[in-house]
PDB file of N, CA and C in Angstrom:
ATOM      1  N   MET A   1     -50.020  71.515 -16.161  1.00  0.00           N
ATOM      2  CA  MET A   1     -48.682  71.033 -16.387  1.00  0.00           C
ATOM      3  C   MET A   1     -48.502  69.710 -15.697  1.00  0.00           C
ATOM      4  N   SER A   2     -48.092  68.670 -16.403  1.00  0.00           N
ATOM      5  CA  SER A   2     -47.958  67.348 -15.797  1.00  0.00           C
ATOM      6  C   SER A   2     -46.537  67.131 -15.288  1.00  0.00           C
ATOM      7  N   GLU A   3     -46.443  66.422 -14.182  1.00  0.00           N
ATOM      8  CA  GLU A   3     -45.148  66.087 -13.626  1.00  0.00           C
ATOM      9  C   GLU A   3     -44.546  64.884 -14.355  1.00  0.00           C
ATOM     10  N   GLU A   4     -43.241  64.927 -14.536  1.00  0.00           N
ATOM     11  CA  GLU A   4     -42.572  63.777 -15.158  1.00  0.00           C
ATOM     12  C   GLU A   4     -42.646  62.599 -14.204  1.00  0.00           C
ATOM     13  N   LYS A   5     -42.883  61.445 -14.762  1.00  0.00           N
ATOM     14  CA  LYS A   5     -42.961  60.238 -13.942  1.00  0.00           C
ATOM     15  C   LYS A   5     -41.575  59.938 -13.375  1.00  0.00           C
ATOM     16  N   MET A   6     -41.521  59.662 -12.077  1.00  0.00           N
ATOM     17  CA  MET A   6     -40.255  59.458 -11.393  1.00  0.00           C
ATOM     18  C   MET A   6     -39.664  58.072 -11.611  1.00  0.00           C
ATOM     19  N   MET A   7     -40.557  57.079 -11.889  1.00  0.00           N
ATOM     20  CA  MET A   7     -40.113  55.694 -12.004  1.00  0.00           C
ATOM     21  C   MET A   7     -41.016  54.957 -12.987  1.00  0.00           C
ATOM     22  N   ASN A   8     -40.441  54.040 -13.705  1.00  0.00           N
ATOM     23  CA  ASN A   8     -41.188  53.140 -14.574  1.00  0.00           C
ATOM     24  C   ASN A   8     -40.948  51.713 -14.144  1.00  0.00           C
ATOM     25  N   ILE A   9     -41.963  50.874 -14.272  1.00  0.00           N
ATOM     26  CA  ILE A   9     -41.828  49.460 -13.960  1.00  0.00           C
ATOM     27  C   ILE A   9     -41.773  48.689 -15.294  1.00  0.00           C
ATOM     28  N   LEU A  10     -40.694  47.985 -15.494  1.00  0.00           N
ATOM     29  CA  LEU A  10     -40.442  47.219 -16.716  1.00  0.00           C
ATOM     30  C   LEU A  10     -40.234  45.756 -16.361  1.00  0.00           C
ATOM     31  N   THR A  11     -40.362  44.908 -17.353  1.00  0.00           N
ATOM     32  CA  THR A  11     -40.008  43.499 -17.190  1.00  0.00           C
ATOM     33  C   THR A  11     -39.131  43.108 -18.379  1.00  0.00           C
ATOM     34  N   GLU A  12     -38.004  42.482 -18.071  1.00  0.00           N
ATOM     35  CA  GLU A  12     -37.089  42.014 -19.120  1.00  0.00           C
ATOM     36  C   GLU A  12     -36.526  40.653 -18.706  1.00  0.00           C
ATOM     37  N   ASP A  13     -36.681  39.674 -19.590  1.00  0.00           N
ATOM     38  CA  ASP A  13     -36.199  38.310 -19.293  1.00  0.00           C
ATOM     39  C   ASP A  13     -36.700  37.761 -17.971  1.00  0.00           C
ATOM     40  N   GLY A  14     -37.945  38.111 -17.617  1.00  0.00           N
ATOM     41  CA  GLY A  14     -38.563  37.618 -16.409  1.00  0.00           C
ATOM     42  C   GLY A  14     -38.100  38.351 -15.139  1.00  0.00           C
ATOM     43  N   VAL A  15     -37.383  39.428 -15.306  1.00  0.00           N
ATOM     44  CA  VAL A  15     -36.892  40.250 -14.189  1.00  0.00           C
ATOM     45  C   VAL A  15     -37.657  41.533 -14.149  1.00  0.00           C
ATOM     46  N   THR A  16     -38.168  41.920 -12.972  1.00  0.00           N
ATOM     47  CA  THR A  16     -38.829  43.210 -12.815  1.00  0.00           C
ATOM     48  C   THR A  16     -37.779  44.268 -12.615  1.00  0.00           C
ATOM     49  N   ILE A  17     -37.961  45.403 -13.302  1.00  0.00           N
ATOM     50  CA  ILE A  17     -37.036  46.513 -13.181  1.00  0.00           C
ATOM     51  C   ILE A  17     -37.802  47.754 -12.738  1.00  0.00           C
ATOM     52  N   PHE A  18     -37.412  48.301 -11.572  1.00  0.00           N
ATOM     53  CA  PHE A  18     -37.915  49.588 -11.118  1.00  0.00           C
ATOM     54  C   PHE A  18     -36.902  50.590 -11.608  1.00  0.00           C
ATOM     55  N   ALA A  19     -37.202  51.252 -12.723  1.00  0.00           N
ATOM     56  CA  ALA A  19     -36.241  52.163 -13.356  1.00  0.00           C
ATOM     57  C   ALA A  19     -36.565  53.613 -13.021  1.00  0.00           C
ATOM     58  N   PHE A  20     -35.732  54.204 -12.196  1.00  0.00           N
ATOM     59  CA  PHE A  20     -35.915  55.611 -11.854  1.00  0.00           C
ATOM     60  C   PHE A  20     -35.457  56.481 -13.005  1.00  0.00           C
ATOM     61  N   SER A  21     -36.256  57.474 -13.356  1.00  0.00           N
ATOM     62  CA  SER A  21     -35.958  58.288 -14.519  1.00  0.00           C
ATOM     63  C   SER A  21     -35.666  59.750 -14.173  1.00  0.00           C
ATOM     64  N   ALA A  22     -35.891  60.152 -12.946  1.00  0.00           N
ATOM     65  CA  ALA A  22     -35.658  61.518 -12.516  1.00  0.00           C
ATOM     66  C   ALA A  22     -34.207  61.712 -12.106  1.00  0.00           C
ATOM     67  N   ILE A  23     -33.648  62.861 -12.395  1.00  0.00           N
ATOM     68  CA  ILE A  23     -32.254  63.141 -11.991  1.00  0.00           C
ATOM     69  C   ILE A  23     -32.180  63.307 -10.491  1.00  0.00           C
ATOM     70  N   SER A  24     -33.191  63.956  -9.925  1.00  0.00           N
ATOM     71  CA  SER A  24     -33.228  64.163  -8.486  1.00  0.00           C
ATOM     72  C   SER A  24     -34.531  63.575  -7.948  1.00  0.00           C
ATOM     73  N   ILE A  25     -34.401  62.732  -6.936  1.00  0.00           N
ATOM     74  CA  ILE A  25     -35.556  62.092  -6.327  1.00  0.00           C
ATOM     75  C   ILE A  25     -35.655  62.602  -4.866  1.00  0.00           C
ATOM     76  N   SER A  26     -36.283  63.761  -4.692  1.00  0.00           N
ATOM     77  CA  SER A  26     -36.319  64.351  -3.371  1.00  0.00           C
ATOM     78  C   SER A  26     -37.698  64.821  -2.965  1.00  0.00           C
ATOM     79  N   ASN A  27     -38.644  64.854  -3.846  1.00  0.00           N
ATOM     80  CA  ASN A  27     -39.990  65.290  -3.586  1.00  0.00           C
ATOM     81  C   ASN A  27     -40.719  64.222  -2.757  1.00  0.00           C
ATOM     82  N   SER A  28     -41.037  64.543  -1.498  1.00  0.00           N
ATOM     83  CA  SER A  28     -41.625  63.531  -0.609  1.00  0.00           C
ATOM     84  C   SER A  28     -42.960  62.993  -1.117  1.00  0.00           C
ATOM     85  N   SER A  29     -43.785  63.835  -1.712  1.00  0.00           N
ATOM     86  CA  SER A  29     -45.082  63.333  -2.223  1.00  0.00           C
ATOM     87  C   SER A  29     -44.839  62.444  -3.438  1.00  0.00           C
ATOM     88  N   GLY A  30     -43.859  62.765  -4.249  1.00  0.00           N
ATOM     89  CA  GLY A  30     -43.512  61.903  -5.416  1.00  0.00           C
ATOM     90  C   GLY A  30     -42.984  60.564  -4.956  1.00  0.00           C
ATOM     91  N   ILE A  31     -42.152  60.553  -3.914  1.00  0.00           N
ATOM     92  CA  ILE A  31     -41.622  59.331  -3.372  1.00  0.00           C
ATOM     93  C   ILE A  31     -42.721  58.471  -2.776  1.00  0.00           C
ATOM     94  N   GLU A  32     -43.682  59.104  -2.116  1.00  0.00           N
ATOM     95  CA  GLU A  32     -44.826  58.335  -1.564  1.00  0.00           C
ATOM     96  C   GLU A  32     -45.659  57.709  -2.661  1.00  0.00           C
ATOM     97  N   LEU A  33     -45.827  58.414  -3.786  1.00  0.00           N
ATOM     98  CA  LEU A  33     -46.546  57.827  -4.924  1.00  0.00           C
ATOM     99  C   LEU A  33     -45.824  56.634  -5.476  1.00  0.00           C
ATOM    100  N   VAL A  34     -44.475  56.769  -5.623  1.00  0.00           N
ATOM    101  CA  VAL A  34     -43.669  55.666  -6.091  1.00  0.00           C
ATOM    102  C   VAL A  34     -43.760  54.485  -5.109  1.00  0.00           C
ATOM    103  N   ALA A  35     -43.657  54.780  -3.806  1.00  0.00           N
ATOM    104  CA  ALA A  35     -43.737  53.724  -2.824  1.00  0.00           C
ATOM    105  C   ALA A  35     -45.039  52.966  -2.873  1.00  0.00           C
ATOM    106  N   ALA A  36     -46.132  53.709  -3.054  1.00  0.00           N
ATOM    107  CA  ALA A  36     -47.450  53.068  -3.169  1.00  0.00           C
ATOM    108  C   ALA A  36     -47.517  52.181  -4.405  1.00  0.00           C
ATOM    109  N   GLU A  37     -46.969  52.656  -5.514  1.00  0.00           N
ATOM    110  CA  GLU A  37     -46.951  51.880  -6.777  1.00  0.00           C
ATOM    111  C   GLU A  37     -46.115  50.591  -6.601  1.00  0.00           C
ATOM    112  N   VAL A  38     -44.954  50.758  -5.974  1.00  0.00           N
ATOM    113  CA  VAL A  38     -44.039  49.606  -5.747  1.00  0.00           C
ATOM    114  C   VAL A  38     -44.734  48.581  -4.826  1.00  0.00           C
ATOM    115  N   ARG A  39     -45.306  49.049  -3.733  1.00  0.00           N
ATOM    116  CA  ARG A  39     -45.991  48.157  -2.796  1.00  0.00           C
ATOM    117  C   ARG A  39     -47.082  47.351  -3.477  1.00  0.00           C
ATOM    118  N   GLN A  40     -47.898  48.049  -4.245  1.00  0.00           N
ATOM    119  CA  GLN A  40     -48.988  47.393  -4.966  1.00  0.00           C
ATOM    120  C   GLN A  40     -48.470  46.368  -5.936  1.00  0.00           C
ATOM    121  N   TYR A  41     -47.427  46.729  -6.658  1.00  0.00           N
ATOM    122  CA  TYR A  41     -46.834  45.823  -7.637  1.00  0.00           C
ATOM    123  C   TYR A  41     -46.277  44.578  -6.970  1.00  0.00           C
ATOM    124  N   LEU A  42     -45.515  44.775  -5.900  1.00  0.00           N
ATOM    125  CA  LEU A  42     -44.925  43.634  -5.184  1.00  0.00           C
ATOM    126  C   LEU A  42     -45.972  42.691  -4.608  1.00  0.00           C
ATOM    127  N   GLU A  43     -47.028  43.282  -4.055  1.00  0.00           N
ATOM    128  CA  GLU A  43     -48.126  42.480  -3.479  1.00  0.00           C
ATOM    129  C   GLU A  43     -48.863  41.677  -4.532  1.00  0.00           C
ATOM    130  N   SER A  44     -49.108  42.322  -5.696  1.00  0.00           N
ATOM    131  CA  SER A  44     -49.939  41.678  -6.699  1.00  0.00           C
ATOM    132  C   SER A  44     -49.164  40.691  -7.593  1.00  0.00           C
ATOM    133  N   THR A  45     -47.869  40.913  -7.770  1.00  0.00           N
ATOM    134  CA  THR A  45     -47.122  40.047  -8.685  1.00  0.00           C
ATOM    135  C   THR A  45     -46.083  39.155  -8.024  1.00  0.00           C
ATOM    136  N   ARG A  46     -45.610  39.560  -6.824  1.00  0.00           N
ATOM    137  CA  ARG A  46     -44.584  38.814  -6.099  1.00  0.00           C
ATOM    138  C   ARG A  46     -43.432  38.342  -7.051  1.00  0.00           C
ATOM    139  N   PRO A  47     -42.755  39.294  -7.651  1.00  0.00           N
ATOM    140  CA  PRO A  47     -41.689  38.922  -8.564  1.00  0.00           C
ATOM    141  C   PRO A  47     -40.552  38.190  -7.865  1.00  0.00           C
ATOM    142  N   GLU A  48     -39.910  37.261  -8.573  1.00  0.00           N
ATOM    143  CA  GLU A  48     -38.797  36.542  -7.996  1.00  0.00           C
ATOM    144  C   GLU A  48     -37.484  37.337  -8.031  1.00  0.00           C
ATOM    145  N   ARG A  49     -37.353  38.198  -9.010  1.00  0.00           N
ATOM    146  CA  ARG A  49     -36.124  38.958  -9.193  1.00  0.00           C
ATOM    147  C   ARG A  49     -36.452  40.416  -9.515  1.00  0.00           C
ATOM    148  N   VAL A  50     -35.761  41.318  -8.819  1.00  0.00           N
ATOM    149  CA  VAL A  50     -36.019  42.755  -9.015  1.00  0.00           C
ATOM    150  C   VAL A  50     -34.669  43.481  -9.129  1.00  0.00           C
ATOM    151  N   ILE A  51     -34.640  44.390 -10.100  1.00  0.00           N
ATOM    152  CA  ILE A  51     -33.534  45.336 -10.226  1.00  0.00           C
ATOM    153  C   ILE A  51     -34.090  46.711  -9.917  1.00  0.00           C
ATOM    154  N   VAL A  52     -33.431  47.479  -9.041  1.00  0.00           N
ATOM    155  CA  VAL A  52     -33.784  48.866  -8.838  1.00  0.00           C
ATOM    156  C   VAL A  52     -32.670  49.636  -9.536  1.00  0.00           C
ATOM    157  N   ASP A  53     -33.049  50.290 -10.637  1.00  0.00           N
ATOM    158  CA  ASP A  53     -32.048  50.937 -11.517  1.00  0.00           C
ATOM    159  C   ASP A  53     -32.037  52.450 -11.305  1.00  0.00           C
ATOM    160  N   PHE A  54     -30.864  52.967 -10.953  1.00  0.00           N
ATOM    161  CA  PHE A  54     -30.692  54.413 -10.715  1.00  0.00           C
ATOM    162  C   PHE A  54     -29.867  55.080 -11.804  1.00  0.00           C
ATOM    163  N   ASP A  55     -29.818  54.518 -12.958  1.00  0.00           N
ATOM    164  CA  ASP A  55     -29.013  55.110 -14.057  1.00  0.00           C
ATOM    165  C   ASP A  55     -29.518  56.549 -14.307  1.00  0.00           C
ATOM    166  N   GLY A  56     -28.625  57.496 -14.218  1.00  0.00           N
ATOM    167  CA  GLY A  56     -28.947  58.911 -14.464  1.00  0.00           C
ATOM    168  C   GLY A  56     -29.376  59.708 -13.221  1.00  0.00           C
ATOM    169  N   VAL A  57     -29.641  58.984 -12.126  1.00  0.00           N
ATOM    170  CA  VAL A  57     -30.051  59.693 -10.884  1.00  0.00           C
ATOM    171  C   VAL A  57     -28.799  60.259 -10.227  1.00  0.00           C
ATOM    172  N   LYS A  58     -28.866  61.537  -9.894  1.00  0.00           N
ATOM    173  CA  LYS A  58     -27.733  62.206  -9.253  1.00  0.00           C
ATOM    174  C   LYS A  58     -27.964  62.446  -7.761  1.00  0.00           C
ATOM    175  N   PHE A  59     -29.218  62.471  -7.338  1.00  0.00           N
ATOM    176  CA  PHE A  59     -29.508  62.748  -5.933  1.00  0.00           C
ATOM    177  C   PHE A  59     -30.819  62.069  -5.552  1.00  0.00           C
ATOM    178  N   PHE A  60     -30.861  61.531  -4.300  1.00  0.00           N
ATOM    179  CA  PHE A  60     -32.152  61.085  -3.776  1.00  0.00           C
ATOM    180  C   PHE A  60     -32.179  61.362  -2.280  1.00  0.00           C
ATOM    181  N   SER A  61     -33.371  61.525  -1.740  1.00  0.00           N
ATOM    182  CA  SER A  61     -33.517  61.802  -0.305  1.00  0.00           C
ATOM    183  C   SER A  61     -33.503  60.520   0.495  1.00  0.00           C
ATOM    184  N   SER A  62     -33.355  60.673   1.787  1.00  0.00           N
ATOM    185  CA  SER A  62     -33.323  59.520   2.687  1.00  0.00           C
ATOM    186  C   SER A  62     -34.625  58.717   2.678  1.00  0.00           C
ATOM    187  N   LEU A  63     -35.714  59.348   2.284  1.00  0.00           N
ATOM    188  CA  LEU A  63     -36.989  58.606   2.178  1.00  0.00           C
ATOM    189  C   LEU A  63     -36.855  57.441   1.207  1.00  0.00           C
ATOM    190  N   LEU A  64     -36.056  57.645   0.179  1.00  0.00           N
ATOM    191  CA  LEU A  64     -35.907  56.592  -0.837  1.00  0.00           C
ATOM    192  C   LEU A  64     -35.115  55.404  -0.251  1.00  0.00           C
ATOM    193  N   LEU A  65     -34.182  55.684   0.654  1.00  0.00           N
ATOM    194  CA  LEU A  65     -33.458  54.587   1.308  1.00  0.00           C
ATOM    195  C   LEU A  65     -34.427  53.701   2.087  1.00  0.00           C
ATOM    196  N   GLY A  66     -35.392  54.319   2.729  1.00  0.00           N
ATOM    197  CA  GLY A  66     -36.405  53.551   3.439  1.00  0.00           C
ATOM    198  C   GLY A  66     -37.197  52.689   2.532  1.00  0.00           C
ATOM    199  N   LEU A  67     -37.558  53.196   1.361  1.00  0.00           N
ATOM    200  CA  LEU A  67     -38.256  52.393   0.345  1.00  0.00           C
ATOM    201  C   LEU A  67     -37.422  51.198  -0.112  1.00  0.00           C
ATOM    202  N   LEU A  68     -36.151  51.435  -0.335  1.00  0.00           N
ATOM    203  CA  LEU A  68     -35.242  50.354  -0.766  1.00  0.00           C
ATOM    204  C   LEU A  68     -35.179  49.240   0.295  1.00  0.00           C
ATOM    205  N   VAL A  69     -35.103  49.623   1.555  1.00  0.00           N
ATOM    206  CA  VAL A  69     -35.065  48.631   2.620  1.00  0.00           C
ATOM    207  C   VAL A  69     -36.402  47.873   2.664  1.00  0.00           C
ATOM    208  N   GLU A  70     -37.508  48.597   2.455  1.00  0.00           N
ATOM    209  CA  GLU A  70     -38.818  47.929   2.419  1.00  0.00           C
ATOM    210  C   GLU A  70     -38.921  46.895   1.280  1.00  0.00           C
ATOM    211  N   ILE A  71     -38.453  47.303   0.091  1.00  0.00           N
ATOM    212  CA  ILE A  71     -38.463  46.362  -1.027  1.00  0.00           C
ATOM    213  C   ILE A  71     -37.606  45.151  -0.721  1.00  0.00           C
ATOM    214  N   TRP A  72     -36.421  45.379  -0.180  1.00  0.00           N
ATOM    215  CA  TRP A  72     -35.501  44.291   0.149  1.00  0.00           C
ATOM    216  C   TRP A  72     -36.151  43.305   1.149  1.00  0.00           C
ATOM    217  N   LYS A  73     -36.822  43.860   2.198  1.00  0.00           N
ATOM    218  CA  LYS A  73     -37.483  43.004   3.199  1.00  0.00           C
ATOM    219  C   LYS A  73     -38.602  42.201   2.557  1.00  0.00           C
ATOM    220  N   LYS A  74     -39.401  42.830   1.723  1.00  0.00           N
ATOM    221  CA  LYS A  74     -40.518  42.099   1.056  1.00  0.00           C
ATOM    222  C   LYS A  74     -39.970  40.977   0.166  1.00  0.00           C
ATOM    223  N   MET A  75     -38.921  41.265  -0.543  1.00  0.00           N
ATOM    224  CA  MET A  75     -38.308  40.269  -1.431  1.00  0.00           C
ATOM    225  C   MET A  75     -37.757  39.106  -0.601  1.00  0.00           C
ATOM    226  N   LYS A  76     -37.088  39.426   0.481  1.00  0.00           N
ATOM    227  CA  LYS A  76     -36.522  38.362   1.355  1.00  0.00           C
ATOM    228  C   LYS A  76     -37.632  37.514   1.961  1.00  0.00           C
ATOM    229  N   ALA A  77     -38.775  38.122   2.269  1.00  0.00           N
ATOM    230  CA  ALA A  77     -39.888  37.404   2.892  1.00  0.00           C
ATOM    231  C   ALA A  77     -40.388  36.232   2.054  1.00  0.00           C
ATOM    232  N   TYR A  78     -40.299  36.385   0.720  1.00  0.00           N
ATOM    233  CA  TYR A  78     -40.736  35.274  -0.133  1.00  0.00           C
ATOM    234  C   TYR A  78     -39.614  34.760  -1.030  1.00  0.00           C
ATOM    235  N   ASP A  79     -38.392  34.813  -0.486  1.00  0.00           N
ATOM    236  CA  ASP A  79     -37.190  34.287  -1.135  1.00  0.00           C
ATOM    237  C   ASP A  79     -36.913  34.851  -2.494  1.00  0.00           C
ATOM    238  N   GLY A  80     -37.262  36.107  -2.684  1.00  0.00           N
ATOM    239  CA  GLY A  80     -36.915  36.807  -3.922  1.00  0.00           C
ATOM    240  C   GLY A  80     -35.556  37.451  -3.842  1.00  0.00           C
ATOM    241  N   THR A  81     -35.058  37.969  -4.931  1.00  0.00           N
ATOM    242  CA  THR A  81     -33.763  38.597  -5.005  1.00  0.00           C
ATOM    243  C   THR A  81     -33.913  40.013  -5.513  1.00  0.00           C
ATOM    244  N   MET A  82     -33.243  40.963  -4.835  1.00  0.00           N
ATOM    245  CA  MET A  82     -33.234  42.346  -5.281  1.00  0.00           C
ATOM    246  C   MET A  82     -31.793  42.830  -5.416  1.00  0.00           C
ATOM    247  N   VAL A  83     -31.506  43.507  -6.522  1.00  0.00           N
ATOM    248  CA  VAL A  83     -30.193  44.124  -6.715  1.00  0.00           C
ATOM    249  C   VAL A  83     -30.398  45.551  -7.137  1.00  0.00           C
ATOM    250  N   ILE A  84     -29.336  46.344  -6.982  1.00  0.00           N
ATOM    251  CA  ILE A  84     -29.380  47.763  -7.377  1.00  0.00           C
ATOM    252  C   ILE A  84     -28.362  47.988  -8.480  1.00  0.00           C
ATOM    253  N   SER A  85     -28.756  48.794  -9.465  1.00  0.00           N
ATOM    254  CA  SER A  85     -27.836  49.095 -10.566  1.00  0.00           C
ATOM    255  C   SER A  85     -27.792  50.583 -10.840  1.00  0.00           C
ATOM    256  N   GLY A  86     -26.694  51.005 -11.472  1.00  0.00           N
ATOM    257  CA  GLY A  86     -26.552  52.370 -11.942  1.00  0.00           C
ATOM    258  C   GLY A  86     -26.274  53.422 -10.918  1.00  0.00           C
ATOM    259  N   ILE A  87     -25.730  53.004  -9.767  1.00  0.00           N
ATOM    260  CA  ILE A  87     -25.439  53.967  -8.697  1.00  0.00           C
ATOM    261  C   ILE A  87     -24.124  54.712  -9.029  1.00  0.00           C
ATOM    262  N   ASN A  88     -24.175  56.040  -8.995  1.00  0.00           N
ATOM    263  CA  ASN A  88     -22.919  56.796  -9.231  1.00  0.00           C
ATOM    264  C   ASN A  88     -22.124  56.868  -7.925  1.00  0.00           C
ATOM    265  N   PRO A  89     -20.857  57.240  -8.012  1.00  0.00           N
ATOM    266  CA  PRO A  89     -19.984  57.247  -6.816  1.00  0.00           C
ATOM    267  C   PRO A  89     -20.523  58.068  -5.653  1.00  0.00           C
ATOM    268  N   ARG A  90     -21.165  59.216  -5.940  1.00  0.00           N
ATOM    269  CA  ARG A  90     -21.694  60.054  -4.878  1.00  0.00           C
ATOM    270  C   ARG A  90     -22.818  59.338  -4.135  1.00  0.00           C
ATOM    271  N   LEU A  91     -23.714  58.687  -4.868  1.00  0.00           N
ATOM    272  CA  LEU A  91     -24.783  57.962  -4.224  1.00  0.00           C
ATOM    273  C   LEU A  91     -24.252  56.693  -3.510  1.00  0.00           C
ATOM    274  N   ASN A  92     -23.249  56.085  -4.107  1.00  0.00           N
ATOM    275  CA  ASN A  92     -22.626  54.919  -3.452  1.00  0.00           C
ATOM    276  C   ASN A  92     -22.125  55.259  -2.069  1.00  0.00           C
ATOM    277  N   ARG A  93     -21.606  56.476  -1.932  1.00  0.00           N
ATOM    278  CA  ARG A  93     -21.087  56.940  -0.641  1.00  0.00           C
ATOM    279  C   ARG A  93     -22.201  56.926   0.405  1.00  0.00           C
ATOM    280  N   VAL A  94     -23.407  57.293  -0.002  1.00  0.00           N
ATOM    281  CA  VAL A  94     -24.554  57.309   0.923  1.00  0.00           C
ATOM    282  C   VAL A  94     -24.809  55.889   1.451  1.00  0.00           C
ATOM    283  N   PHE A  95     -24.740  54.903   0.578  1.00  0.00           N
ATOM    284  CA  PHE A  95     -24.936  53.500   0.980  1.00  0.00           C
ATOM    285  C   PHE A  95     -23.843  53.054   1.918  1.00  0.00           C
ATOM    286  N   ARG A  96     -22.600  53.486   1.707  1.00  0.00           N
ATOM    287  CA  ARG A  96     -21.494  53.103   2.601  1.00  0.00           C
ATOM    288  C   ARG A  96     -21.652  53.751   3.974  1.00  0.00           C
ATOM    289  N   ILE A  97     -21.986  55.051   3.993  1.00  0.00           N
ATOM    290  CA  ILE A  97     -22.145  55.765   5.265  1.00  0.00           C
ATOM    291  C   ILE A  97     -23.241  55.134   6.121  1.00  0.00           C
ATOM    292  N   THR A  98     -24.310  54.695   5.493  1.00  0.00           N
ATOM    293  CA  THR A  98     -25.465  54.128   6.202  1.00  0.00           C
ATOM    294  C   THR A  98     -25.310  52.636   6.428  1.00  0.00           C
ATOM    295  N   ASN A  99     -24.212  52.053   5.963  1.00  0.00           N
ATOM    296  CA  ASN A  99     -23.959  50.616   6.047  1.00  0.00           C
ATOM    297  C   ASN A  99     -24.923  49.791   5.222  1.00  0.00           C
ATOM    298  N   LEU A 100     -25.694  50.391   4.368  1.00  0.00           N
ATOM    299  CA  LEU A 100     -26.604  49.652   3.510  1.00  0.00           C
ATOM    300  C   LEU A 100     -25.878  48.918   2.404  1.00  0.00           C
ATOM    301  N   ASP A 101     -24.616  49.289   2.196  1.00  0.00           N
ATOM    302  CA  ASP A 101     -23.818  48.580   1.202  1.00  0.00           C
ATOM    303  C   ASP A 101     -23.560  47.139   1.627  1.00  0.00           C
ATOM    304  N   LYS A 102     -23.814  46.861   2.915  1.00  0.00           N
ATOM    305  CA  LYS A 102     -23.590  45.478   3.424  1.00  0.00           C
ATOM    306  C   LYS A 102     -24.787  44.555   3.164  1.00  0.00           C
ATOM    307  N   ILE A 103     -25.988  45.133   2.919  1.00  0.00           N
ATOM    308  CA  ILE A 103     -27.127  44.280   2.667  1.00  0.00           C
ATOM    309  C   ILE A 103     -27.520  44.231   1.186  1.00  0.00           C
ATOM    310  N   PHE A 104     -27.217  45.284   0.434  1.00  0.00           N
ATOM    311  CA  PHE A 104     -27.614  45.317  -0.962  1.00  0.00           C
ATOM    312  C   PHE A 104     -26.502  44.812  -1.872  1.00  0.00           C
ATOM    313  N   GLU A 105     -26.905  44.224  -2.976  1.00  0.00           N
ATOM    314  CA  GLU A 105     -25.953  43.825  -4.038  1.00  0.00           C
ATOM    315  C   GLU A 105     -26.023  44.877  -5.124  1.00  0.00           C
ATOM    316  N   PHE A 106     -24.852  45.356  -5.550  1.00  0.00           N
ATOM    317  CA  PHE A 106     -24.785  46.418  -6.532  1.00  0.00           C
ATOM    318  C   PHE A 106     -24.150  45.944  -7.836  1.00  0.00           C
ATOM    319  N   HIS A 107     -24.642  46.496  -8.941  1.00  0.00           N
ATOM    320  CA  HIS A 107     -24.070  46.269 -10.258  1.00  0.00           C
ATOM    321  C   HIS A 107     -23.934  47.597 -10.964  1.00  0.00           C
ATOM    322  N   PRO A 108     -22.897  47.715 -11.801  1.00  0.00           N
ATOM    323  CA  PRO A 108     -22.629  49.033 -12.418  1.00  0.00           C
ATOM    324  C   PRO A 108     -23.729  49.521 -13.348  1.00  0.00           C
ATOM    325  N   ASP A 109     -24.460  48.611 -13.997  1.00  0.00           N
ATOM    326  CA  ASP A 109     -25.509  49.034 -14.926  1.00  0.00           C
ATOM    327  C   ASP A 109     -26.588  47.953 -14.982  1.00  0.00           C
ATOM    328  N   ARG A 110     -27.684  48.304 -15.634  1.00  0.00           N
ATOM    329  CA  ARG A 110     -28.828  47.413 -15.713  1.00  0.00           C
ATOM    330  C   ARG A 110     -28.514  46.092 -16.416  1.00  0.00           C
ATOM    331  N   GLN A 111     -27.743  46.175 -17.497  1.00  0.00           N
ATOM    332  CA  GLN A 111     -27.430  44.944 -18.243  1.00  0.00           C
ATOM    333  C   GLN A 111     -26.598  43.963 -17.441  1.00  0.00           C
ATOM    334  N   THR A 112     -25.638  44.471 -16.661  1.00  0.00           N
ATOM    335  CA  THR A 112     -24.850  43.603 -15.805  1.00  0.00           C
ATOM    336  C   THR A 112     -25.705  42.977 -14.714  1.00  0.00           C
ATOM    337  N   ALA A 113     -26.591  43.778 -14.152  1.00  0.00           N
ATOM    338  CA  ALA A 113     -27.528  43.252 -13.126  1.00  0.00           C
ATOM    339  C   ALA A 113     -28.418  42.183 -13.721  1.00  0.00           C
ATOM    340  N   LEU A 114     -28.948  42.450 -14.911  1.00  0.00           N
ATOM    341  CA  LEU A 114     -29.852  41.511 -15.579  1.00  0.00           C
ATOM    342  C   LEU A 114     -29.139  40.210 -15.856  1.00  0.00           C
ATOM    343  N   LYS A 115     -27.902  40.293 -16.334  1.00  0.00           N
ATOM    344  CA  LYS A 115     -27.113  39.106 -16.613  1.00  0.00           C
ATOM    345  C   LYS A 115     -26.875  38.319 -15.340  1.00  0.00           C
ATOM    346  N   ALA A 116     -26.537  38.986 -14.236  1.00  0.00           N
ATOM    347  CA  ALA A 116     -26.313  38.309 -12.957  1.00  0.00           C
ATOM    348  C   ALA A 116     -27.554  37.597 -12.464  1.00  0.00           C
ATOM    349  N   LEU A 117     -28.742  38.207 -12.628  1.00  0.00           N
ATOM    350  CA  LEU A 117     -29.959  37.600 -12.147  1.00  0.00           C
ATOM    351  C   LEU A 117     -30.499  36.486 -13.067  1.00  0.00           C
ATOM    352  N   THR A 118     -30.218  36.584 -14.347  1.00  0.00           N
ATOM    353  CA  THR A 118     -30.749  35.548 -15.249  1.00  0.00           C
ATOM    354  C   THR A 118     -29.787  34.342 -15.367  1.00  0.00           C
ATOM    355  N   GLU A 119     -28.555  34.511 -14.962  1.00  0.00           N
ATOM    356  CA  GLU A 119     -27.579  33.399 -15.009  1.00  0.00           C
ATOM    357  C   GLU A 119     -27.471  32.669 -13.685  1.00  0.00           C
ATOM    358  N   SER A 120     -28.130  33.174 -12.653  1.00  0.00           N
ATOM    359  CA  SER A 120     -28.003  32.553 -11.328  1.00  0.00           C
ATOM    360  C   SER A 120     -29.019  31.450 -11.137  1.00  0.00           C
TER     361      SER A 120
END
């Protein structure tokens, strides 16, 4: 029995999209696999603009917050831009409680995020 892929990497209009597809992202081994894939992708391609899309995600563990901070730091290191899209109100609360809402830029959906990154 194969596990559903937790995240897909897409490119649209020159913007890299890390699109999470699982409703719940809490499996630590799955998150580590995603983290390894993201690290490898960032190192090999050094994208200028990244959207991390959580459309449809209802829950994620704190391990994923660490990955988001890691992506943000890598992007900042080479003057790239990272935004987050598709966060529901419950997950948004997690970002507020941890004060991560002060470092990340949020957009309601992928299309709005894409428009913001391609028009800037």
